[in-house]
Full PDB file with SEQRES, HELIX, SHEET, SSBOND, CRYST1, ORIGX, SCALE, CONECT and MASTER records, all heavy atoms in Angstrom:
SEQRES   1 A   35  ARG VAL ALA GLU ALA LEU GLY LEU TRP TYR VAL TYR TYR          
SEQRES   2 A   35  PRO ALA ILE PHE HIS PHE ARG THR ASN GLN ARG PHE GLY          
SEQRES   3 A   35  ASN ALA VAL LEU SER ARG TRP PRO ILE                          
HELIX    1 AA1 VAL A    2  LEU A    6  1                                   5    
SHEET    1 AA1 2 TRP A   9  HIS A  18  0                                        
SHEET    2 AA1 2 GLN A  23  SER A  31 -1                                        
CRYST1    1.000    1.000    1.000  90.00  90.00  90.00 P 1           1          
ORIGX1      1.000000  0.000000  0.000000        0.00000                         
ORIGX2      0.000000  1.000000  0.000000        0.00000                         
ORIGX3      0.000000  0.000000  1.000000        0.00000                         
SCALE1      1.000000  0.000000  0.000000        0.00000                         
SCALE2      0.000000  1.000000  0.000000        0.00000                         
SCALE3      0.000000  0.000000  1.000000        0.00000                         
ATOM      1  N   ARG A   1      13.194 -56.013 -88.802  1.00  0.00           N  
ATOM      2  CA  ARG A   1      13.580 -54.811 -88.290  1.00  0.00           C  
ATOM      3  C   ARG A   1      12.576 -53.638 -88.377  1.00  0.00           C  
ATOM      4  O   ARG A   1      12.402 -52.928 -87.376  1.00  0.00           O  
ATOM      5  CB  ARG A   1      14.926 -54.375 -88.906  1.00  0.00           C  
ATOM      6  CG  ARG A   1      16.236 -55.229 -88.627  1.00  0.00           C  
ATOM      7  CD  ARG A   1      17.432 -54.776 -89.463  1.00  0.00           C  
ATOM      8  NE  ARG A   1      17.698 -53.387 -89.332  1.00  0.00           N  
ATOM      9  CZ  ARG A   1      18.526 -52.759 -90.021  1.00  0.00           C  
ATOM     10  NH1 ARG A   1      19.063 -53.310 -91.068  1.00  0.00           N  
ATOM     11  NH2 ARG A   1      18.779 -51.466 -89.759  1.00  0.00           N  
ATOM     12  N   VAL A   2      11.916 -53.592 -89.463  1.00  0.00           N  
ATOM     13  CA  VAL A   2      10.909 -52.578 -89.586  1.00  0.00           C  
ATOM     14  C   VAL A   2       9.821 -52.752 -88.588  1.00  0.00           C  
ATOM     15  O   VAL A   2       9.287 -51.863 -87.928  1.00  0.00           O  
ATOM     16  CB  VAL A   2      10.462 -52.446 -91.097  1.00  0.00           C  
ATOM     17  CG1 VAL A   2       9.274 -51.371 -91.135  1.00  0.00           C  
ATOM     18  CG2 VAL A   2      11.569 -52.098 -91.984  1.00  0.00           C  
ATOM     19  N   ALA A   3       9.311 -54.035 -88.592  1.00  0.00           N  
ATOM     20  CA  ALA A   3       8.195 -54.408 -87.720  1.00  0.00           C  
ATOM     21  C   ALA A   3       8.591 -54.131 -86.289  1.00  0.00           C  
ATOM     22  O   ALA A   3       7.755 -53.437 -85.414  1.00  0.00           O  
ATOM     23  CB  ALA A   3       7.766 -55.835 -87.966  1.00  0.00           C  
ATOM     24  N   GLU A   4       9.739 -54.565 -85.868  1.00  0.00           N  
ATOM     25  CA  GLU A   4      10.161 -54.273 -84.402  1.00  0.00           C  
ATOM     26  C   GLU A   4      10.306 -52.793 -84.170  1.00  0.00           C  
ATOM     27  O   GLU A   4       9.885 -52.379 -83.021  1.00  0.00           O  
ATOM     28  CB  GLU A   4      11.352 -55.011 -84.164  1.00  0.00           C  
ATOM     29  CG  GLU A   4      11.308 -56.518 -84.014  1.00  0.00           C  
ATOM     30  CD  GLU A   4      12.640 -57.281 -83.725  1.00  0.00           C  
ATOM     31  OE1 GLU A   4      13.601 -56.619 -83.723  1.00  0.00           O  
ATOM     32  OE2 GLU A   4      12.517 -58.467 -83.456  1.00  0.00           O  
ATOM     33  N   ALA A   5      10.740 -52.064 -85.036  1.00  0.00           N  
ATOM     34  CA  ALA A   5      10.900 -50.601 -84.822  1.00  0.00           C  
ATOM     35  C   ALA A   5       9.570 -49.946 -84.692  1.00  0.00           C  
ATOM     36  O   ALA A   5       9.463 -48.956 -83.840  1.00  0.00           O  
ATOM     37  CB  ALA A   5      11.742 -49.946 -85.950  1.00  0.00           C  
ATOM     38  N   LEU A   6       8.671 -50.385 -85.366  1.00  0.00           N  
ATOM     39  CA  LEU A   6       7.303 -49.695 -85.354  1.00  0.00           C  
ATOM     40  C   LEU A   6       6.297 -50.368 -84.452  1.00  0.00           C  
ATOM     41  O   LEU A   6       5.287 -49.939 -84.260  1.00  0.00           O  
ATOM     42  CB  LEU A   6       6.638 -49.802 -86.784  1.00  0.00           C  
ATOM     43  CG  LEU A   6       7.454 -49.069 -87.999  1.00  0.00           C  
ATOM     44  CD1 LEU A   6       6.732 -49.089 -89.226  1.00  0.00           C  
ATOM     45  CD2 LEU A   6       7.717 -47.631 -87.561  1.00  0.00           C  
ATOM     46  N   GLY A   7       6.747 -51.499 -83.827  1.00  0.00           N  
ATOM     47  CA  GLY A   7       5.882 -52.274 -82.874  1.00  0.00           C  
ATOM     48  C   GLY A   7       4.676 -52.967 -83.509  1.00  0.00           C  
ATOM     49  O   GLY A   7       3.586 -52.932 -83.050  1.00  0.00           O  
ATOM     50  N   LEU A   8       4.943 -53.616 -84.679  1.00  0.00           N  
ATOM     51  CA  LEU A   8       3.778 -54.223 -85.430  1.00  0.00           C  
ATOM     52  C   LEU A   8       3.968 -55.630 -85.507  1.00  0.00           C  
ATOM     53  O   LEU A   8       5.149 -56.168 -85.547  1.00  0.00           O  
ATOM     54  CB  LEU A   8       3.805 -53.562 -86.865  1.00  0.00           C  
ATOM     55  CG  LEU A   8       3.653 -51.970 -86.931  1.00  0.00           C  
ATOM     56  CD1 LEU A   8       3.673 -51.525 -88.373  1.00  0.00           C  
ATOM     57  CD2 LEU A   8       2.385 -51.511 -86.096  1.00  0.00           C  
ATOM     58  N   TRP A   9       2.826 -56.335 -85.856  1.00  0.00           N  
ATOM     59  CA  TRP A   9       2.851 -57.747 -86.168  1.00  0.00           C  
ATOM     60  C   TRP A   9       3.292 -57.840 -87.688  1.00  0.00           C  
ATOM     61  O   TRP A   9       3.159 -56.896 -88.443  1.00  0.00           O  
ATOM     62  CB  TRP A   9       1.561 -58.340 -86.105  1.00  0.00           C  
ATOM     63  CG  TRP A   9       0.859 -58.294 -84.762  1.00  0.00           C  
ATOM     64  CD1 TRP A   9       0.084 -57.227 -84.226  1.00  0.00           C  
ATOM     65  CD2 TRP A   9       0.940 -59.255 -83.791  1.00  0.00           C  
ATOM     66  NE1 TRP A   9      -0.220 -57.550 -82.993  1.00  0.00           N  
ATOM     67  CE2 TRP A   9       0.188 -58.840 -82.633  1.00  0.00           C  
ATOM     68  CE3 TRP A   9       1.564 -60.520 -83.585  1.00  0.00           C  
ATOM     69  CZ2 TRP A   9       0.152 -59.543 -81.393  1.00  0.00           C  
ATOM     70  CZ3 TRP A   9       1.468 -61.235 -82.431  1.00  0.00           C  
ATOM     71  CH2 TRP A   9       0.781 -60.727 -81.344  1.00  0.00           C  
ATOM     72  N   TYR A  10       3.924 -58.957 -88.129  1.00  0.00           N  
ATOM     73  CA  TYR A  10       4.354 -59.040 -89.522  1.00  0.00           C  
ATOM     74  C   TYR A  10       4.211 -60.389 -90.056  1.00  0.00           C  
ATOM     75  O   TYR A  10       4.324 -61.441 -89.282  1.00  0.00           O  
ATOM     76  CB  TYR A  10       5.716 -58.444 -89.788  1.00  0.00           C  
ATOM     77  CG  TYR A  10       6.856 -59.340 -89.187  1.00  0.00           C  
ATOM     78  CD1 TYR A  10       7.494 -60.254 -90.152  1.00  0.00           C  
ATOM     79  CD2 TYR A  10       7.308 -59.274 -87.920  1.00  0.00           C  
ATOM     80  CE1 TYR A  10       8.478 -61.132 -89.726  1.00  0.00           C  
ATOM     81  CE2 TYR A  10       8.328 -60.103 -87.467  1.00  0.00           C  
ATOM     82  CZ  TYR A  10       8.986 -61.072 -88.318  1.00  0.00           C  
ATOM     83  OH  TYR A  10       9.879 -61.741 -87.918  1.00  0.00           O  
ATOM     84  N   VAL A  11       4.143 -60.561 -91.396  1.00  0.00           N  
ATOM     85  CA  VAL A  11       4.182 -61.667 -92.179  1.00  0.00           C  
ATOM     86  C   VAL A  11       4.880 -61.439 -93.421  1.00  0.00           C  
ATOM     87  O   VAL A  11       4.613 -60.437 -94.135  1.00  0.00           O  
ATOM     88  CB  VAL A  11       2.793 -62.369 -92.467  1.00  0.00           C  
ATOM     89  CG1 VAL A  11       2.961 -63.558 -93.341  1.00  0.00           C  
ATOM     90  CG2 VAL A  11       2.251 -62.855 -91.200  1.00  0.00           C  
ATOM     91  N   TYR A  12       5.858 -62.297 -93.729  1.00  0.00           N  
ATOM     92  CA  TYR A  12       6.701 -62.000 -94.939  1.00  0.00           C  
ATOM     93  C   TYR A  12       6.840 -63.363 -95.706  1.00  0.00           C  
ATOM     94  O   TYR A  12       7.236 -64.321 -95.035  1.00  0.00           O  
ATOM     95  CB  TYR A  12       8.061 -61.486 -94.643  1.00  0.00           C  
ATOM     96  CG  TYR A  12       9.090 -61.568 -95.709  1.00  0.00           C  
ATOM     97  CD1 TYR A  12       8.916 -60.703 -96.848  1.00  0.00           C  
ATOM     98  CD2 TYR A  12      10.168 -62.394 -95.650  1.00  0.00           C  
ATOM     99  CE1 TYR A  12       9.874 -60.777 -97.880  1.00  0.00           C  
ATOM    100  CE2 TYR A  12      11.087 -62.459 -96.665  1.00  0.00           C  
ATOM    101  CZ  TYR A  12      10.965 -61.683 -97.780  1.00  0.00           C  
ATOM    102  OH  TYR A  12      11.912 -61.766 -98.887  1.00  0.00           O  
ATOM    103  N   TYR A  13       6.561 -63.265 -96.930  1.00  0.00           N  
ATOM    104  CA  TYR A  13       6.756 -64.428 -97.912  1.00  0.00           C  
ATOM    105  C   TYR A  13       7.598 -63.996 -99.030  1.00  0.00           C  
ATOM    106  O   TYR A  13       7.284 -63.039 -99.776  1.00  0.00           O  
ATOM    107  CB  TYR A  13       5.506 -64.946 -98.515  1.00  0.00           C  
ATOM    108  CG  TYR A  13       4.588 -65.830 -97.565  1.00  0.00           C  
ATOM    109  CD1 TYR A  13       3.658 -65.297 -96.902  1.00  0.00           C  
ATOM    110  CD2 TYR A  13       4.821 -67.174 -97.523  1.00  0.00           C  
ATOM    111  CE1 TYR A  13       2.753 -66.053 -96.093  1.00  0.00           C  
ATOM    112  CE2 TYR A  13       4.030 -67.932 -96.661  1.00  0.00           C  
ATOM    113  CZ  TYR A  13       2.965 -67.431 -95.919  1.00  0.00           C  
ATOM    114  OH  TYR A  13       2.154 -68.106 -95.168  1.00  0.00           O  
ATOM    115  N   PRO A  14       8.897 -64.495 -99.264  1.00  0.00           N  
ATOM    116  CA  PRO A  14       9.622 -64.223-100.404  1.00  0.00           C  
ATOM    117  C   PRO A  14       9.118 -64.911-101.634  1.00  0.00           C  
ATOM    118  O   PRO A  14       8.552 -66.041-101.540  1.00  0.00           O  
ATOM    119  CB  PRO A  14      11.092 -64.713-100.051  1.00  0.00           C  
ATOM    120  CG  PRO A  14      10.816 -65.903 -99.099  1.00  0.00           C  
ATOM    121  CD  PRO A  14       9.591 -65.443 -98.374  1.00  0.00           C  
ATOM    122  N   ALA A  15       9.154 -64.187-102.779  1.00  0.00           N  
ATOM    123  CA  ALA A  15       8.726 -64.801-104.078  1.00  0.00           C  
ATOM    124  C   ALA A  15       9.925 -65.521-104.678  1.00  0.00           C  
ATOM    125  O   ALA A  15       9.716 -66.657-105.332  1.00  0.00           O  
ATOM    126  CB  ALA A  15       8.291 -63.706-104.987  1.00  0.00           C  
ATOM    127  N   ILE A  16      11.164 -64.932-104.708  1.00  0.00           N  
ATOM    128  CA  ILE A  16      12.319 -65.578-105.265  1.00  0.00           C  
ATOM    129  C   ILE A  16      13.492 -65.414-104.338  1.00  0.00           C  
ATOM    130  O   ILE A  16      13.502 -64.547-103.378  1.00  0.00           O  
ATOM    131  CB  ILE A  16      12.576 -64.907-106.685  1.00  0.00           C  
ATOM    132  CG1 ILE A  16      13.015 -63.500-106.539  1.00  0.00           C  
ATOM    133  CG2 ILE A  16      11.432 -65.098-107.539  1.00  0.00           C  
ATOM    134  CD1 ILE A  16      13.530 -62.915-107.749  1.00  0.00           C  
ATOM    135  N   PHE A  17      14.575 -66.225-104.578  1.00  0.00           N  
ATOM    136  CA  PHE A  17      15.892 -65.919-104.117  1.00  0.00           C  
ATOM    137  C   PHE A  17      16.560 -65.169-105.199  1.00  0.00           C  
ATOM    138  O   PHE A  17      16.757 -65.674-106.325  1.00  0.00           O  
ATOM    139  CB  PHE A  17      16.621 -67.115-103.749  1.00  0.00           C  
ATOM    140  CG  PHE A  17      17.972 -66.923-103.190  1.00  0.00           C  
ATOM    141  CD1 PHE A  17      18.175 -66.696-101.755  1.00  0.00           C  
ATOM    142  CD2 PHE A  17      19.058 -66.841-103.971  1.00  0.00           C  
ATOM    143  CE1 PHE A  17      19.405 -66.365-101.245  1.00  0.00           C  
ATOM    144  CE2 PHE A  17      20.401 -66.508-103.490  1.00  0.00           C  
ATOM    145  CZ  PHE A  17      20.484 -66.370-102.093  1.00  0.00           C  
ATOM    146  N   HIS A  18      17.005 -63.906-104.943  1.00  0.00           N  
ATOM    147  CA  HIS A  18      17.454 -62.950-105.914  1.00  0.00           C  
ATOM    148  C   HIS A  18      19.035 -63.162-106.049  1.00  0.00           C  
ATOM    149  O   HIS A  18      19.802 -63.010-105.079  1.00  0.00           O  
ATOM    150  CB  HIS A  18      17.161 -61.590-105.576  1.00  0.00           C  
ATOM    151  CG  HIS A  18      17.378 -60.532-106.719  1.00  0.00           C  
ATOM    152  ND1 HIS A  18      18.506 -59.975-106.913  1.00  0.00           N  
ATOM    153  CD2 HIS A  18      16.516 -60.114-107.681  1.00  0.00           C  
ATOM    154  CE1 HIS A  18      18.372 -59.145-107.976  1.00  0.00           C  
ATOM    155  NE2 HIS A  18      17.172 -59.135-108.452  1.00  0.00           N  
ATOM    156  N   PHE A  19      19.585 -63.579-107.310  1.00  0.00           N  
ATOM    157  CA  PHE A  19      20.957 -63.934-107.392  1.00  0.00           C  
ATOM    158  C   PHE A  19      21.799 -62.805-107.293  1.00  0.00           C  
ATOM    159  O   PHE A  19      22.886 -62.854-106.636  1.00  0.00           O  
ATOM    160  CB  PHE A  19      21.140 -64.659-108.673  1.00  0.00           C  
ATOM    161  CG  PHE A  19      20.513 -65.942-108.824  1.00  0.00           C  
ATOM    162  CD1 PHE A  19      20.038 -66.357-110.082  1.00  0.00           C  
ATOM    163  CD2 PHE A  19      20.289 -66.744-107.761  1.00  0.00           C  
ATOM    164  CE1 PHE A  19      19.448 -67.583-110.333  1.00  0.00           C  
ATOM    165  CE2 PHE A  19      19.673 -67.936-107.904  1.00  0.00           C  
ATOM    166  CZ  PHE A  19      19.257 -68.342-109.207  1.00  0.00           C  
ATOM    167  N   ARG A  20      21.443 -61.615-107.736  1.00  0.00           N  
ATOM    168  CA  ARG A  20      22.373 -60.454-107.783  1.00  0.00           C  
ATOM    169  C   ARG A  20      22.542 -59.849-106.365  1.00  0.00           C  
ATOM    170  O   ARG A  20      23.702 -59.501-105.969  1.00  0.00           O  
ATOM    171  CB  ARG A  20      21.827 -59.314-108.654  1.00  0.00           C  
ATOM    172  CG  ARG A  20      22.663 -58.106-108.690  1.00  0.00           C  
ATOM    173  CD  ARG A  20      22.342 -57.236-109.857  1.00  0.00           C  
ATOM    174  NE  ARG A  20      20.980 -56.743-109.846  1.00  0.00           N  
ATOM    175  CZ  ARG A  20      20.545 -55.538-109.137  1.00  0.00           C  
ATOM    176  NH1 ARG A  20      21.549 -54.888-108.477  1.00  0.00           N  
ATOM    177  NH2 ARG A  20      19.311 -55.135-109.261  1.00  0.00           N  
ATOM    178  N   THR A  21      21.538 -59.790-105.470  1.00  0.00           N  
ATOM    179  CA  THR A  21      21.604 -59.378-104.118  1.00  0.00           C  
ATOM    180  C   THR A  21      21.940 -60.414-103.156  1.00  0.00           C  
ATOM    181  O   THR A  21      22.250 -60.210-102.023  1.00  0.00           O  
ATOM    182  CB  THR A  21      20.293 -58.586-103.750  1.00  0.00           C  
ATOM    183  OG1 THR A  21      19.192 -59.569-103.747  1.00  0.00           O  
ATOM    184  CG2 THR A  21      19.948 -57.480-104.614  1.00  0.00           C  
ATOM    185  N   ASN A  22      21.815 -61.738-103.604  1.00  0.00           N  
ATOM    186  CA  ASN A  22      22.119 -62.914-102.770  1.00  0.00           C  
ATOM    187  C   ASN A  22      21.163 -62.905-101.549  1.00  0.00           C  
ATOM    188  O   ASN A  22      21.560 -63.287-100.394  1.00  0.00           O  
ATOM    189  CB  ASN A  22      23.536 -62.873-102.328  1.00  0.00           C  
ATOM    190  CG  ASN A  22      23.959 -64.341-101.887  1.00  0.00           C  
ATOM    191  OD1 ASN A  22      23.510 -65.379-102.367  1.00  0.00           O  
ATOM    192  ND2 ASN A  22      24.874 -64.345-100.969  1.00  0.00           N  
ATOM    193  N   GLN A  23      19.839 -62.527-101.751  1.00  0.00           N  
ATOM    194  CA  GLN A  23      18.960 -62.360-100.714  1.00  0.00           C  
ATOM    195  C   GLN A  23      17.538 -62.875-101.305  1.00  0.00           C  
ATOM    196  O   GLN A  23      17.349 -62.813-102.386  1.00  0.00           O  
ATOM    197  CB  GLN A  23      18.865 -61.070-100.204  1.00  0.00           C  
ATOM    198  CG  GLN A  23      20.138 -60.478 -99.498  1.00  0.00           C  
ATOM    199  CD  GLN A  23      19.877 -59.135 -98.814  1.00  0.00           C  
ATOM    200  OE1 GLN A  23      19.086 -58.981 -97.941  1.00  0.00           O  
ATOM    201  NE2 GLN A  23      20.486 -58.082 -99.330  1.00  0.00           N  
ATOM    202  N   ARG A  24      16.732 -63.164-100.234  1.00  0.00           N  
ATOM    203  CA  ARG A  24      15.240 -63.407-100.685  1.00  0.00           C  
ATOM    204  C   ARG A  24      14.620 -62.053-100.982  1.00  0.00           C  
ATOM    205  O   ARG A  24      15.124 -61.054-100.541  1.00  0.00           O  
ATOM    206  CB  ARG A  24      14.555 -64.132 -99.542  1.00  0.00           C  
ATOM    207  CG  ARG A  24      15.170 -65.507 -99.240  1.00  0.00           C  
ATOM    208  CD  ARG A  24      14.372 -66.204 -98.089  1.00  0.00           C  
ATOM    209  NE  ARG A  24      14.829 -67.560 -98.000  1.00  0.00           N  
ATOM    210  CZ  ARG A  24      15.784 -67.956 -97.148  1.00  0.00           C  
ATOM    211  NH1 ARG A  24      16.490 -67.042 -96.374  1.00  0.00           N  
ATOM    212  NH2 ARG A  24      16.128 -69.246 -97.079  1.00  0.00           N  
ATOM    213  N   PHE A  25      13.642 -62.085-101.827  1.00  0.00           N  
ATOM    214  CA  PHE A  25      12.958 -60.939-102.361  1.00  0.00           C  
ATOM    215  C   PHE A  25      11.482 -61.156-102.404  1.00  0.00           C  
ATOM    216  O   PHE A  25      11.008 -62.221-103.061  1.00  0.00           O  
ATOM    217  CB  PHE A  25      13.506 -60.779-103.738  1.00  0.00           C  
ATOM    218  CG  PHE A  25      12.939 -59.669-104.617  1.00  0.00           C  
ATOM    219  CD1 PHE A  25      13.507 -58.376-104.720  1.00  0.00           C  
ATOM    220  CD2 PHE A  25      11.786 -59.913-105.368  1.00  0.00           C  
ATOM    221  CE1 PHE A  25      13.072 -57.426-105.468  1.00  0.00           C  
ATOM    222  CE2 PHE A  25      11.293 -58.861-106.268  1.00  0.00           C  
ATOM    223  CZ  PHE A  25      11.931 -57.708-106.288  1.00  0.00           C  
ATOM    224  N   GLY A  26      10.723 -60.293-101.688  1.00  0.00           N  
ATOM    225  CA  GLY A  26       9.257 -60.562-101.722  1.00  0.00           C  
ATOM    226  C   GLY A  26       8.497 -59.446-100.943  1.00  0.00           C  
ATOM    227  O   GLY A  26       9.018 -58.354-100.694  1.00  0.00           O  
ATOM    228  N   ASN A  27       7.251 -59.760-100.537  1.00  0.00           N  
ATOM    229  CA  ASN A  27       6.333 -58.799-100.091  1.00  0.00           C  
ATOM    230  C   ASN A  27       6.038 -59.101 -98.596  1.00  0.00           C  
ATOM    231  O   ASN A  27       5.879 -60.264 -98.163  1.00  0.00           O  
ATOM    232  CB  ASN A  27       5.078 -58.762-100.818  1.00  0.00           C  
ATOM    233  CG  ASN A  27       5.240 -58.755-102.334  1.00  0.00           C  
ATOM    234  OD1 ASN A  27       5.984 -57.774-102.775  1.00  0.00           O  
ATOM    235  ND2 ASN A  27       4.895 -59.720-103.051  1.00  0.00           N  
ATOM    236  N   ALA A  28       5.698 -58.027 -97.768  1.00  0.00           N  
ATOM    237  CA  ALA A  28       5.409 -58.159 -96.411  1.00  0.00           C  
ATOM    238  C   ALA A  28       4.198 -57.459 -95.980  1.00  0.00           C  
ATOM    239  O   ALA A  28       3.934 -56.268 -96.710  1.00  0.00           O  
ATOM    240  CB  ALA A  28       6.576 -57.749 -95.574  1.00  0.00           C  
ATOM    241  N   VAL A  29       3.490 -57.842 -95.122  1.00  0.00           N  
ATOM    242  CA  VAL A  29       2.310 -57.026 -94.437  1.00  0.00           C  
ATOM    243  C   VAL A  29       2.671 -56.795 -92.978  1.00  0.00           C  
ATOM    244  O   VAL A  29       3.003 -57.887 -92.218  1.00  0.00           O  
ATOM    245  CB  VAL A  29       1.042 -57.870 -94.576  1.00  0.00           C  
ATOM    246  CG1 VAL A  29      -0.206 -57.062 -93.817  1.00  0.00           C  
ATOM    247  CG2 VAL A  29       0.642 -57.988 -96.005  1.00  0.00           C  
ATOM    248  N   LEU A  30       2.743 -55.678 -92.506  1.00  0.00           N  
ATOM    249  CA  LEU A  30       2.860 -55.366 -91.086  1.00  0.00           C  
ATOM    250  C   LEU A  30       1.588 -54.653 -90.604  1.00  0.00           C  
ATOM    251  O   LEU A  30       0.795 -54.028 -91.299  1.00  0.00           O  
ATOM    252  CB  LEU A  30       4.008 -54.298 -90.938  1.00  0.00           C  
ATOM    253  CG  LEU A  30       5.418 -54.749 -90.969  1.00  0.00           C  
ATOM    254  CD1 LEU A  30       5.680 -55.373 -92.392  1.00  0.00           C  
ATOM    255  CD2 LEU A  30       6.337 -53.622 -90.775  1.00  0.00           C  
ATOM    256  N   SER A  31       1.154 -55.025 -89.421  1.00  0.00           N  
ATOM    257  CA  SER A  31      -0.211 -54.579 -88.928  1.00  0.00           C  
ATOM    258  C   SER A  31      -0.123 -54.401 -87.427  1.00  0.00           C  
ATOM    259  O   SER A  31       0.537 -55.034 -86.616  1.00  0.00           O  
ATOM    260  CB  SER A  31      -1.273 -55.722 -89.139  1.00  0.00           C  
ATOM    261  OG  SER A  31      -2.475 -55.470 -88.438  1.00  0.00           O  
ATOM    262  N   ARG A  32      -0.836 -53.201 -87.037  1.00  0.00           N  
ATOM    263  CA  ARG A  32      -1.003 -52.854 -85.726  1.00  0.00           C  
ATOM    264  C   ARG A  32      -1.945 -53.834 -84.881  1.00  0.00           C  
ATOM    265  O   ARG A  32      -1.938 -54.082 -83.813  1.00  0.00           O  
ATOM    266  CB  ARG A  32      -1.600 -51.463 -85.554  1.00  0.00           C  
ATOM    267  CG  ARG A  32      -1.823 -50.930 -84.180  1.00  0.00           C  
ATOM    268  CD  ARG A  32      -2.299 -49.483 -84.178  1.00  0.00           C  
ATOM    269  NE  ARG A  32      -1.407 -48.686 -84.981  1.00  0.00           N  
ATOM    270  CZ  ARG A  32      -0.361 -48.209 -84.555  1.00  0.00           C  
ATOM    271  NH1 ARG A  32       0.147 -48.521 -83.319  1.00  0.00           N  
ATOM    272  NH2 ARG A  32       0.420 -47.445 -85.430  1.00  0.00           N  
ATOM    273  N   TRP A  33      -2.832 -54.427 -85.757  1.00  0.00           N  
ATOM    274  CA  TRP A  33      -3.850 -55.396 -85.332  1.00  0.00           C  
ATOM    275  C   TRP A  33      -3.409 -56.822 -85.520  1.00  0.00           C  
ATOM    276  O   TRP A  33      -2.515 -57.110 -86.350  1.00  0.00           O  
ATOM    277  CB  TRP A  33      -5.153 -55.167 -86.028  1.00  0.00           C  
ATOM    278  CG  TRP A  33      -5.703 -53.765 -85.795  1.00  0.00           C  
ATOM    279  CD1 TRP A  33      -5.587 -52.684 -86.589  1.00  0.00           C  
ATOM    280  CD2 TRP A  33      -6.461 -53.323 -84.608  1.00  0.00           C  
ATOM    281  NE1 TRP A  33      -6.187 -51.614 -86.036  1.00  0.00           N  
ATOM    282  CE2 TRP A  33      -6.770 -51.973 -84.812  1.00  0.00           C  
ATOM    283  CE3 TRP A  33      -7.007 -54.013 -83.504  1.00  0.00           C  
ATOM    284  CZ2 TRP A  33      -7.527 -51.248 -83.948  1.00  0.00           C  
ATOM    285  CZ3 TRP A  33      -7.785 -53.330 -82.610  1.00  0.00           C  
ATOM    286  CH2 TRP A  33      -8.047 -51.855 -82.782  1.00  0.00           C  
ATOM    287  N   PRO A  34      -3.891 -57.766 -84.619  1.00  0.00           N  
ATOM    288  CA  PRO A  34      -3.342 -59.212 -84.707  1.00  0.00           C  
ATOM    289  C   PRO A  34      -3.617 -59.825 -86.069  1.00  0.00           C  
ATOM    290  O   PRO A  34      -4.666 -59.463 -86.743  1.00  0.00           O  
ATOM    291  CB  PRO A  34      -4.224 -59.878 -83.664  1.00  0.00           C  
ATOM    292  CG  PRO A  34      -4.585 -58.696 -82.700  1.00  0.00           C  
ATOM    293  CD  PRO A  34      -4.827 -57.513 -83.400  1.00  0.00           C  
ATOM    294  N   ILE A  35      -2.759 -60.541 -86.467  1.00  0.00           N  
ATOM    295  CA  ILE A  35      -2.877 -61.371 -87.779  1.00  0.00           C  
ATOM    296  C   ILE A  35      -3.469 -62.722 -87.414  1.00  0.00           C  
ATOM    297  O   ILE A  35      -2.838 -63.485 -86.608  1.00  0.00           O  
ATOM    298  CB  ILE A  35      -1.592 -61.385 -88.437  1.00  0.00           C  
ATOM    299  CG1 ILE A  35      -1.012 -60.017 -88.821  1.00  0.00           C  
ATOM    300  CG2 ILE A  35      -1.643 -62.377 -89.637  1.00  0.00           C  
ATOM    301  CD1 ILE A  35       0.353 -59.996 -89.515  1.00  0.00           C  
TER     302      ILE A  35                                                      
MASTER        0    0    0    1    2    0    0    6  301    1    0    3          
END                                                                             
């Protein structure tokens, strides 16, 4: 959603599946330039 709103390329890898939030949890890189 963030990448599409800003018009950026993105890659996201979760580190863990978080039990309390019941979601994946990790880091993302968004870029104006091609990945």
